[in-house]
Protein backbone atom coordinates (compact mmCIF):
# COMPACT_ATOMS: atom_id res chain seq x y z
CA UNK A 1 23.09 -9.52 -10.44
CA UNK A 2 22.13 -6.22 -12.12
CA UNK A 3 24.17 -4.96 -15.15
CA UNK A 4 27.01 -1.85 -13.55
CA UNK A 5 25.94 1.45 -13.26
CA UNK A 6 28.94 2.64 -14.65
CA UNK A 7 29.01 5.52 -17.60
CA UNK A 8 24.91 5.61 -17.22
CA UNK A 9 23.26 8.96 -17.01
CA UNK A 10 21.61 9.66 -13.72
CA UNK A 11 18.74 11.53 -13.41
CA UNK A 12 19.35 14.89 -12.14
CA UNK A 13 18.68 15.28 -7.99
CA UNK A 14 15.75 16.82 -7.21
CA UNK A 15 16.46 20.44 -5.93
CA UNK A 16 16.43 20.34 -2.02
CA UNK A 17 13.37 22.61 -1.34
CA UNK A 18 11.80 23.43 2.46
CA UNK A 19 8.32 22.30 1.11
CA UNK A 20 5.82 21.70 -1.74
CA UNK A 21 5.70 23.60 -4.86
CA UNK A 22 1.76 23.90 -5.95
CA UNK A 23 2.26 21.53 -9.10
CA UNK A 24 3.52 18.89 -6.33
CA UNK A 25 0.44 19.56 -4.20
CA UNK A 26 -1.35 18.67 -6.80
CA UNK A 27 0.27 15.10 -8.11
CA UNK A 28 0.47 14.34 -4.19
CA UNK A 29 -3.43 14.87 -4.07
CA UNK A 30 -3.73 12.86 -7.39
CA UNK A 31 -2.04 9.98 -6.30
CA UNK A 32 -3.63 9.79 -2.71
CA UNK A 33 -6.99 9.51 -4.90
CA UNK A 34 -6.16 7.02 -7.21
CA UNK A 35 -4.91 4.90 -4.21
CA UNK A 36 -8.06 5.54 -2.22
CA UNK A 37 -10.39 4.59 -5.32
CA UNK A 38 -8.12 1.09 -5.69
CA UNK A 39 -8.32 0.62 -2.03
CA UNK A 40 -12.07 1.44 -1.79
CA UNK A 41 -12.89 -0.78 -4.22
CA UNK A 42 -11.03 -3.97 -2.41
CA UNK A 43 -12.42 -3.11 0.62
CA UNK A 44 -15.56 -2.65 -0.35
CA UNK A 45 -16.60 -5.97 -1.22
CA UNK A 46 -16.45 -7.97 1.97
CA UNK A 47 -18.94 -5.61 3.71
CA UNK A 48 -21.44 -5.93 0.84
CA UNK A 49 -20.94 -9.82 1.20
CA UNK A 50 -24.26 -10.18 3.11
CA UNK A 51 -26.30 -8.35 0.16
CA UNK A 52 -24.29 -9.67 -2.35
CA UNK A 53 -24.53 -13.73 -1.17
CA UNK A 54 -28.47 -13.93 -0.96
CA UNK A 55 -29.18 -12.02 -3.78
CA UNK A 56 -27.46 -13.85 -6.45
CA UNK A 57 -27.78 -16.83 -4.70
CA UNK A 58 -24.08 -17.54 -4.08
CA UNK A 59 -22.51 -19.75 -1.08
CA UNK A 60 -19.87 -18.52 1.23
CA UNK A 61 -17.30 -20.55 -0.36
CA UNK A 62 -18.34 -19.20 -3.98
CA UNK A 63 -17.64 -15.56 -2.29
CA UNK A 64 -14.35 -16.37 -0.60
CA UNK A 65 -13.02 -17.31 -3.96
CA UNK A 66 -14.97 -13.75 -5.52
CA UNK A 67 -12.65 -11.79 -2.59
CA UNK A 68 -9.46 -13.70 -3.15
CA UNK A 69 -9.42 -13.65 -7.11
CA UNK A 70 -8.64 -9.93 -7.13
CA UNK A 71 -6.07 -10.40 -4.60
CA UNK A 72 -4.16 -13.30 -6.98
CA UNK A 73 -4.91 -11.45 -10.09
CA UNK A 74 -3.45 -8.09 -8.72
CA UNK A 75 0.03 -10.11 -7.04
CA UNK A 76 0.08 -11.90 -10.82
CA UNK A 77 -0.46 -8.75 -13.09
CA UNK A 78 2.50 -6.72 -10.57
CA UNK A 79 4.67 -10.05 -11.84
CA UNK A 80 3.83 -9.86 -15.30
CA UNK A 81 4.21 -5.90 -16.05
CA UNK A 82 6.97 -5.74 -13.81
CA UNK A 83 10.05 -6.10 -16.91
CA UNK A 84 7.72 -3.24 -18.88
CA UNK A 85 7.14 -0.66 -16.12
CA UNK A 86 10.07 1.46 -16.72
CA UNK A 87 10.02 1.16 -20.55
CA UNK A 88 6.92 3.61 -20.98
CA UNK A 89 5.99 7.32 -19.66
CA UNK A 90 4.89 6.61 -16.14
CA UNK A 91 1.87 8.47 -16.47
CA UNK A 92 0.34 7.15 -19.68
CA UNK A 93 1.04 3.40 -18.24
CA UNK A 94 -0.60 5.01 -15.46
CA UNK A 95 -3.71 6.02 -17.37
CA UNK A 96 -3.51 2.70 -19.16
CA UNK A 97 -3.71 0.93 -16.01
CA UNK A 98 -6.58 2.96 -14.15
CA UNK A 99 -8.92 2.97 -17.31
CA UNK A 100 -9.18 -0.96 -17.03
CA UNK A 101 -9.68 -0.26 -13.23
CA UNK A 102 -12.13 1.53 -13.98
CA UNK A 103 -14.35 -0.92 -16.77
CA UNK A 104 -13.63 -3.18 -14.24
CA UNK A 105 -15.56 -1.81 -11.51
CA UNK A 106 -18.43 -0.70 -14.14
CA UNK A 107 -18.32 -4.97 -14.83
CA UNK A 108 -18.56 -5.48 -10.98
CA UNK A 109 -21.76 -3.32 -10.70
CA UNK A 110 -23.25 -4.47 -13.65
CA UNK A 111 -22.51 -8.32 -13.02
CA UNK A 112 -25.65 -10.88 -12.82
CA UNK A 113 -24.48 -13.95 -12.22
CA UNK A 114 -21.43 -15.72 -10.02
CA UNK A 115 -19.44 -16.35 -12.76
CA UNK A 116 -19.32 -12.45 -14.28
CA UNK A 117 -18.65 -11.49 -11.18
CA UNK A 118 -15.76 -13.71 -10.88
CA UNK A 119 -14.51 -12.42 -14.09
CA UNK A 120 -15.00 -9.04 -13.00
CA UNK A 121 -12.82 -9.44 -9.59
CA UNK A 122 -9.94 -10.85 -11.52
CA UNK A 123 -10.18 -7.88 -14.29
CA UNK A 124 -10.13 -5.42 -11.68
CA UNK A 125 -7.53 -6.90 -9.69
CA UNK A 126 -5.15 -7.49 -13.03
CA UNK A 127 -5.25 -3.35 -13.09
CA UNK A 128 -5.80 -2.55 -9.96
CA UNK A 129 -2.92 -4.32 -8.67
CA UNK A 130 -0.55 -1.93 -10.74
CA UNK A 131 -1.72 1.13 -10.10
CA UNK A 132 -0.09 1.38 -6.73
CA UNK A 133 3.28 0.54 -7.72
CA UNK A 134 2.82 2.99 -10.72
CA UNK A 135 1.87 6.04 -7.98
CA UNK A 136 4.85 5.19 -5.88
CA UNK A 137 7.34 5.19 -8.70
CA UNK A 138 5.99 8.84 -9.63
CA UNK A 139 6.48 10.11 -5.72
CA UNK A 140 9.92 8.91 -5.98
CA UNK A 141 10.74 10.27 -9.34
CA UNK A 142 8.93 13.74 -8.70
CA UNK A 143 10.24 14.21 -5.03
CA UNK A 144 13.37 14.66 -3.46
CA UNK A 145 14.40 11.97 -0.80
CA UNK A 146 13.70 15.09 1.95
CA UNK A 147 10.09 15.35 0.82
CA UNK A 148 9.07 12.06 0.41
CA UNK A 149 8.06 11.47 3.93
CA UNK A 150 5.27 13.38 3.75
CA UNK A 151 4.19 12.17 0.32
CA UNK A 152 4.28 9.24 1.61
CA UNK A 153 2.16 10.25 4.83
CA UNK A 154 -0.75 11.51 2.33
CA UNK A 155 -0.87 8.87 0.00
CA UNK A 156 -1.08 6.13 2.93
CA UNK A 157 -3.98 8.21 4.48
CA UNK A 158 -5.82 7.40 1.81
CA UNK A 159 -6.44 3.37 3.69
CA UNK A 160 -8.31 5.13 6.73
CA UNK A 161 -10.17 7.64 4.25
CA UNK A 162 -11.76 4.70 2.52
CA UNK A 163 -12.52 3.53 6.27
CA UNK A 164 -14.21 6.42 7.03
CA UNK A 165 -16.01 8.03 3.90
CA UNK A 166 -15.75 5.64 1.48
CA UNK A 167 -17.21 2.55 2.99
CA UNK A 168 -20.08 3.91 5.14
CA UNK A 169 -21.34 5.89 2.07
CA UNK A 170 -20.64 2.39 -0.18
CA UNK A 171 -23.43 0.82 2.63
CA UNK A 172 -25.90 3.50 2.45
CA UNK A 173 -25.86 3.22 -1.27
CA UNK A 174 -26.36 -0.12 -1.25
CA UNK A 175 -29.00 0.48 1.63
CA UNK A 176 -31.27 2.49 -0.20
CA UNK A 177 -30.95 0.87 -3.64
CA UNK A 178 -28.73 -2.30 -4.42
CA UNK A 179 -25.47 -3.64 -4.09
CA UNK A 180 -24.94 -2.70 -7.68
CA UNK A 181 -25.16 1.12 -7.36
CA UNK A 182 -21.57 1.68 -4.97
CA UNK A 183 -19.83 0.03 -7.91
CA UNK A 184 -21.48 2.20 -10.47
CA UNK A 185 -20.81 5.16 -8.52
CA UNK A 186 -17.40 4.85 -7.38
CA UNK A 187 -16.46 4.01 -11.34
CA UNK A 188 -18.04 7.10 -12.13
CA UNK A 189 -16.53 8.83 -9.47
CA UNK A 190 -13.06 7.25 -10.59
CA UNK A 191 -13.16 8.72 -14.06
CA UNK A 192 -13.78 12.10 -13.16
CA UNK A 193 -10.71 11.96 -11.20
CA UNK A 194 -8.69 10.28 -14.10
CA UNK A 195 -9.84 12.78 -16.36
CA UNK A 196 -8.23 15.26 -13.59
CA UNK A 197 -4.87 13.39 -14.05
CA UNK A 198 -4.71 13.24 -17.38
CA UNK A 199 -5.47 17.13 -17.47
CA UNK A 200 -3.34 18.36 -14.95
CA UNK A 201 -0.36 15.66 -14.22
CA UNK A 202 2.67 16.38 -16.43
CA UNK A 203 4.49 13.50 -18.31
CA UNK A 204 6.77 11.65 -15.90
CA UNK A 205 9.29 10.40 -18.53
CA UNK A 206 12.92 11.22 -16.83
CA UNK A 207 13.27 7.75 -16.61
CA UNK A 208 13.27 7.08 -20.32
CA UNK A 209 16.66 8.94 -20.86
CA UNK A 210 18.65 6.23 -19.40
CA UNK A 211 19.97 3.28 -20.90
CA UNK A 212 17.34 0.40 -20.99
CA UNK A 213 17.92 -3.40 -21.04
CA UNK A 214 16.54 -5.14 -24.30
CA UNK A 215 14.57 -7.74 -22.99
CA UNK A 216 11.72 -6.97 -20.35
CA UNK A 217 12.05 -10.27 -18.75
CA UNK A 218 16.37 -9.79 -18.32
CA UNK A 219 14.69 -6.56 -16.66
CA UNK A 220 12.51 -8.69 -14.53
CA UNK A 221 14.92 -10.99 -13.68
CA UNK A 222 17.31 -8.24 -13.00
CA UNK A 223 15.40 -6.86 -10.82
CA UNK A 224 14.50 -9.94 -9.13
CA UNK A 225 17.78 -10.71 -8.43
CA UNK A 226 19.39 -8.04 -7.16
CA UNK A 227 20.42 -8.93 -3.41
CA UNK A 228 19.78 -5.48 -2.04
CA UNK A 229 16.59 -5.53 -3.65
CA UNK A 230 15.65 -8.78 -2.24
CA UNK A 231 16.09 -7.35 1.36
CA UNK A 232 13.36 -4.77 0.49
CA UNK A 233 11.07 -7.30 -0.88
CA UNK A 234 11.25 -9.48 2.65
CA UNK A 235 10.70 -6.66 4.63
CA UNK A 236 7.77 -5.75 2.37
CA UNK A 237 6.24 -9.32 2.82
CA UNK A 238 6.88 -9.14 6.68
CA UNK A 239 5.80 -6.16 7.34
CA UNK A 240 2.41 -7.23 5.52
CA UNK A 241 1.55 -10.09 8.09
CA UNK A 242 1.01 -7.75 10.93
CA UNK A 243 -1.83 -5.96 8.64
CA UNK A 244 -3.45 -9.29 7.10
CA UNK A 245 -3.46 -11.22 9.90
CA UNK A 246 -5.66 -8.85 12.10
CA UNK A 247 -7.90 -7.26 9.85
CA UNK A 248 -9.71 -10.12 8.35
CA UNK A 249 -10.86 -11.15 12.34
CA UNK A 250 -11.16 -7.83 13.79
CA UNK A 251 -14.96 -7.55 13.68
CA UNK A 252 -15.45 -11.01 14.88
CA UNK A 253 -12.99 -10.75 17.84
CA UNK A 254 -14.64 -6.91 18.87
CA UNK A 255 -17.67 -8.51 18.66
CA UNK A 256 -17.09 -11.71 20.17
CA UNK A 257 -14.52 -11.71 22.51
CA UNK A 258 -14.41 -8.11 23.69
CA UNK A 259 -18.63 -7.44 23.97
CA UNK A 260 -18.56 -4.16 21.45
CA UNK A 261 -22.02 -4.67 20.02
CA UNK A 262 -23.00 -4.10 16.19
CA UNK A 263 -24.26 -0.99 16.71
CA UNK A 264 -21.41 0.44 18.28
CA UNK A 265 -18.80 -1.33 15.87
CA UNK A 266 -19.40 1.72 13.19
CA UNK A 267 -17.78 4.41 15.86
CA UNK A 268 -15.23 1.97 16.39
CA UNK A 269 -13.73 2.21 12.69
CA UNK A 270 -14.90 5.96 11.97
CA UNK A 271 -13.28 7.27 14.91
CA UNK A 272 -9.92 5.00 14.35
CA UNK A 273 -10.16 6.32 10.62
CA UNK A 274 -10.20 9.51 11.76
CA UNK A 275 -7.27 9.86 13.95
CA UNK A 276 -5.62 7.63 11.47
CA UNK A 277 -6.00 10.68 8.54
CA UNK A 278 -5.15 12.74 11.15
CA UNK A 279 -1.89 11.03 12.46
CA UNK A 280 -0.28 9.64 7.96
CA UNK A 281 0.72 13.31 7.42
CA UNK A 282 2.07 14.25 10.73
CA UNK A 283 4.27 10.73 10.70
CA UNK A 284 5.41 11.77 7.34
CA UNK A 285 6.65 15.03 8.48
CA UNK A 286 8.38 14.04 11.53
CA UNK A 287 10.42 11.02 9.44
CA UNK A 288 11.60 13.87 6.94
CA UNK A 289 12.79 15.78 9.81
CA UNK A 290 14.16 13.27 12.60
CA UNK A 291 14.99 10.42 10.22
CA UNK A 292 12.85 7.77 8.23
CA UNK A 293 14.86 4.70 10.68
CA UNK A 294 13.83 6.71 14.14
CA UNK A 295 10.39 6.81 13.00
CA UNK A 296 10.31 3.16 11.88
CA UNK A 297 11.16 1.84 15.44
CA UNK A 298 9.28 4.06 17.19
CA UNK A 299 5.85 2.65 14.99
CA UNK A 300 7.92 -0.93 15.71
CA UNK A 301 8.00 -0.57 19.37
CA UNK A 302 4.47 1.11 19.26
CA UNK A 303 2.75 -1.60 17.58
CA UNK A 304 4.72 -4.51 19.20
CA UNK A 305 3.44 -2.87 22.51
CA UNK A 306 -0.43 -2.68 21.63
CA UNK A 307 -0.78 -6.08 19.28
CA UNK A 308 0.19 -7.96 22.80
CA UNK A 309 -2.22 -5.88 24.49
CA UNK A 310 -5.05 -5.64 21.61
CA UNK A 311 -4.87 -9.47 21.26
CA UNK A 312 -4.99 -10.09 25.24
CA UNK A 313 -7.97 -8.08 26.18
CA UNK A 314 -11.27 -9.33 27.44
CA UNK A 315 -14.71 -7.34 27.71
CA UNK A 316 -14.03 -3.62 27.53
CA UNK A 317 -15.82 -0.45 27.07
CA UNK A 318 -16.18 1.34 23.27
CA UNK A 319 -14.30 4.28 24.80
CA UNK A 320 -11.30 2.28 25.83
CA UNK A 321 -11.12 0.04 22.73
CA UNK A 322 -11.38 3.38 20.18
CA UNK A 323 -8.19 4.48 22.29
CA UNK A 324 -6.64 1.21 21.65
CA UNK A 325 -7.59 0.58 18.19
CA UNK A 326 -6.16 4.38 17.47
CA UNK A 327 -2.71 3.83 18.98
CA UNK A 328 -2.41 0.48 17.36
CA UNK A 329 -3.21 2.23 14.41
CA UNK A 330 -0.55 4.80 15.09
CA UNK A 331 2.07 2.49 15.75
CA UNK A 332 1.17 0.69 12.25
CA UNK A 333 1.26 3.72 10.49
CA UNK A 334 4.59 5.05 12.10
CA UNK A 335 5.94 1.86 10.69
CA UNK A 336 4.43 1.75 7.14
CA UNK A 337 5.23 5.27 5.94
CA UNK A 338 8.64 6.03 7.09
CA UNK A 339 9.44 2.19 5.65
CA UNK A 340 7.75 3.44 2.34
CA UNK A 341 9.73 6.60 1.91
CA UNK A 342 13.04 4.95 2.71
CA UNK A 343 12.73 1.78 0.86
CA UNK A 344 12.14 4.51 -1.93
CA UNK A 345 15.58 5.19 -2.12
CA UNK A 346 16.57 1.47 -2.34
CA UNK A 347 15.91 0.96 -6.65
CA UNK A 348 18.23 2.26 -9.28
CA UNK A 349 16.01 5.17 -11.49
CA UNK A 350 15.83 3.33 -14.21
CA UNK A 351 14.60 -0.07 -12.04
CA UNK A 352 11.87 1.91 -9.86
CA UNK A 353 8.93 1.09 -11.97
CA UNK A 354 9.53 -2.97 -11.99
CA UNK A 355 11.01 -2.75 -8.55
CA UNK A 356 7.62 -0.98 -7.14
CA UNK A 357 5.98 -3.60 -9.71
CA UNK A 358 7.44 -6.67 -7.85
CA UNK A 359 7.12 -5.06 -4.02
CA UNK A 360 2.68 -4.51 -4.99
CA UNK A 361 2.84 -8.30 -6.18
CA UNK A 362 4.77 -9.66 -2.86
CA UNK A 363 2.32 -7.34 -0.72
CA UNK A 364 -0.71 -9.13 -2.45
CA UNK A 365 0.45 -12.54 -2.10
CA UNK A 366 1.71 -12.46 1.32
CA UNK A 367 -1.18 -10.46 2.52
CA UNK A 368 -3.12 -13.70 1.19
CA UNK A 369 -1.04 -16.51 2.68
CA UNK A 370 -0.61 -14.20 6.29
CA UNK A 371 -4.70 -14.28 6.28
CA UNK A 372 -5.14 -17.68 5.29
CA UNK A 373 -2.61 -18.77 7.73
CA UNK A 374 -4.26 -16.31 10.86
CA UNK A 375 -7.63 -18.56 9.71
CA UNK A 376 -5.31 -21.71 10.28
CA UNK A 377 -4.55 -20.73 13.44
CA UNK A 378 -8.31 -18.66 14.87
CA UNK A 379 -10.96 -21.29 15.75
CA UNK A 380 -14.27 -19.99 16.59
CA UNK A 381 -15.31 -21.35 20.03
CA UNK A 382 -18.96 -22.56 20.92
CA UNK A 383 -19.62 -19.45 22.91
CA UNK A 384 -18.74 -17.66 19.49
CA UNK A 385 -15.39 -16.38 20.75
CA UNK A 386 -12.54 -16.67 18.74
CA UNK A 387 -9.89 -18.72 20.10
CA UNK A 388 -5.72 -18.61 19.71
CA UNK A 389 -6.08 -14.84 18.83
CA UNK A 390 -3.41 -14.49 20.99
CA UNK A 391 -0.93 -16.96 19.31
CA UNK A 392 -1.74 -14.33 16.06
CA UNK A 393 -0.69 -11.94 17.81
CA UNK A 394 2.81 -13.25 18.69
CA UNK A 395 3.24 -14.35 15.59
CA UNK A 396 2.84 -10.58 14.60
CA UNK A 397 5.36 -9.63 17.06
CA UNK A 398 7.78 -11.93 15.78
CA UNK A 399 7.78 -10.68 12.29
CA UNK A 400 7.99 -7.32 13.15
CA UNK A 401 10.88 -7.88 15.22
CA UNK A 402 12.13 -10.00 12.03
CA UNK A 403 11.43 -6.56 9.81
CA UNK A 404 13.26 -4.52 12.01
CA UNK A 405 16.47 -5.74 11.66
CA UNK A 406 16.02 -6.04 8.08
CA UNK A 407 14.87 -2.00 8.06
CA UNK A 408 18.10 -1.64 10.06
CA UNK A 409 20.25 -3.13 7.15
CA UNK A 410 18.14 -1.18 3.97
CA UNK A 411 18.38 2.08 6.24
CA UNK A 412 22.86 1.36 6.65
CA UNK A 413 22.83 0.57 3.04
CA UNK A 414 20.85 3.49 1.80
CA UNK A 415 23.40 5.97 3.76
CA UNK A 416 26.42 4.47 2.27
CA UNK A 417 25.13 4.48 -1.07
CA UNK A 418 23.96 8.21 -0.83
CA UNK A 419 27.71 8.75 0.73
CA UNK A 420 29.47 6.85 -1.76
CA UNK A 421 27.40 8.93 -4.64
CA UNK A 422 27.76 12.34 -2.59
CA UNK A 423 31.80 11.69 -2.58
CA UNK A 424 31.83 10.93 -6.44
CA UNK A 425 29.89 13.89 -7.46
CA UNK A 426 32.62 16.03 -5.02
CA UNK A 427 35.58 14.58 -6.51
CA UNK A 428 35.39 15.92 -9.98
CA UNK A 429 34.66 19.59 -8.34
CA UNK A 430 37.66 18.73 -6.00
CA UNK A 431 39.88 18.24 -8.85
CA UNK A 432 38.84 21.05 -11.08
CA UNK A 433 39.85 23.47 -8.14
CA UNK A 434 43.49 23.86 -8.58
CA UNK A 435 43.19 23.98 -12.72
CA UNK A 436 40.72 27.23 -12.61
CA UNK A 437 42.99 28.78 -9.69
């Protein structure tokens, strides 16, 4: 268990404000851009595979290793850095890992052999896998709980933005020149974003004034051994199951089972991504207004219904699958955004960095495991259709129901802790009242 919190100074609570200050808007935009860059780098590799494999004369098995190398190195880096994540100014820590991520992306663009590309992806994952956790820690430090839903909503839209803007542009650049160009262009754009962060973002070092453990490894141990943190980690793993089971097979399912031709496939992803960009901020704002757990429950129910519909479809028209996809992603994001906002209140201030680093590792590792499990469930039939895809849907429904139970526990614990903190804060004022009268 973690060290007792008594006699430890606490970070001053952020004042309850109705909206964002100008600086907070700037920080939110910068954090969203960094997430966009990291997610795009991860997602861009798969669609470029059709060009990379013949150009570098590598087999599908070797390319699969290149793709998975990023996820596993990212998962390992989160655990390796978790013990040190709360010992530095979060801005400096972010810039350090982001610089390594940009250099790894440049290496990807310059790679001329399988071995070089594999090492480049490992290095990119080692640095890029930590950026998301630092981003969440900064958002938690700088924004009051009543604003975090909106912040997480904007940050989470980076996934949709990478799908709508990044992948089509990356494919255009690769078709016009070669597959190296998208990585080099992304590195150049990322470098500019890093300079803006270095100039505009103020130090995020309020946690350094809190009592720190001498040993980084004990800091990591106390983080992973805290019971209430374990509940959050388990919930994260379960929620990652859904997306990583559906995504790897989505294009094959749309074409082989639902009859969507390859020419209309980009349209499906484009419209779905645009809808998700619009959904994200609205979901975050709603979570702040009506309650994060309520919005999560709405998203869980909607995603369960839509997953069952989606995995049992037959041939459909393009407008119908666009509508189904859009509603499905509405359900998924209505789970993820309020969960991220809710779980930001779980760790203590001096453990936010390590908590988010471990959580990011779990996301990567559980996502990779979910993809492997789905690959063993789904088979390719003789007619080119995916078989047993409905079983994947049932597994996702089960994981969502279990995750919902754990989120209920998390929400209850956060409320209890908040009420206890408010009571402790009110006690000195009540005691001092008669003495000052």
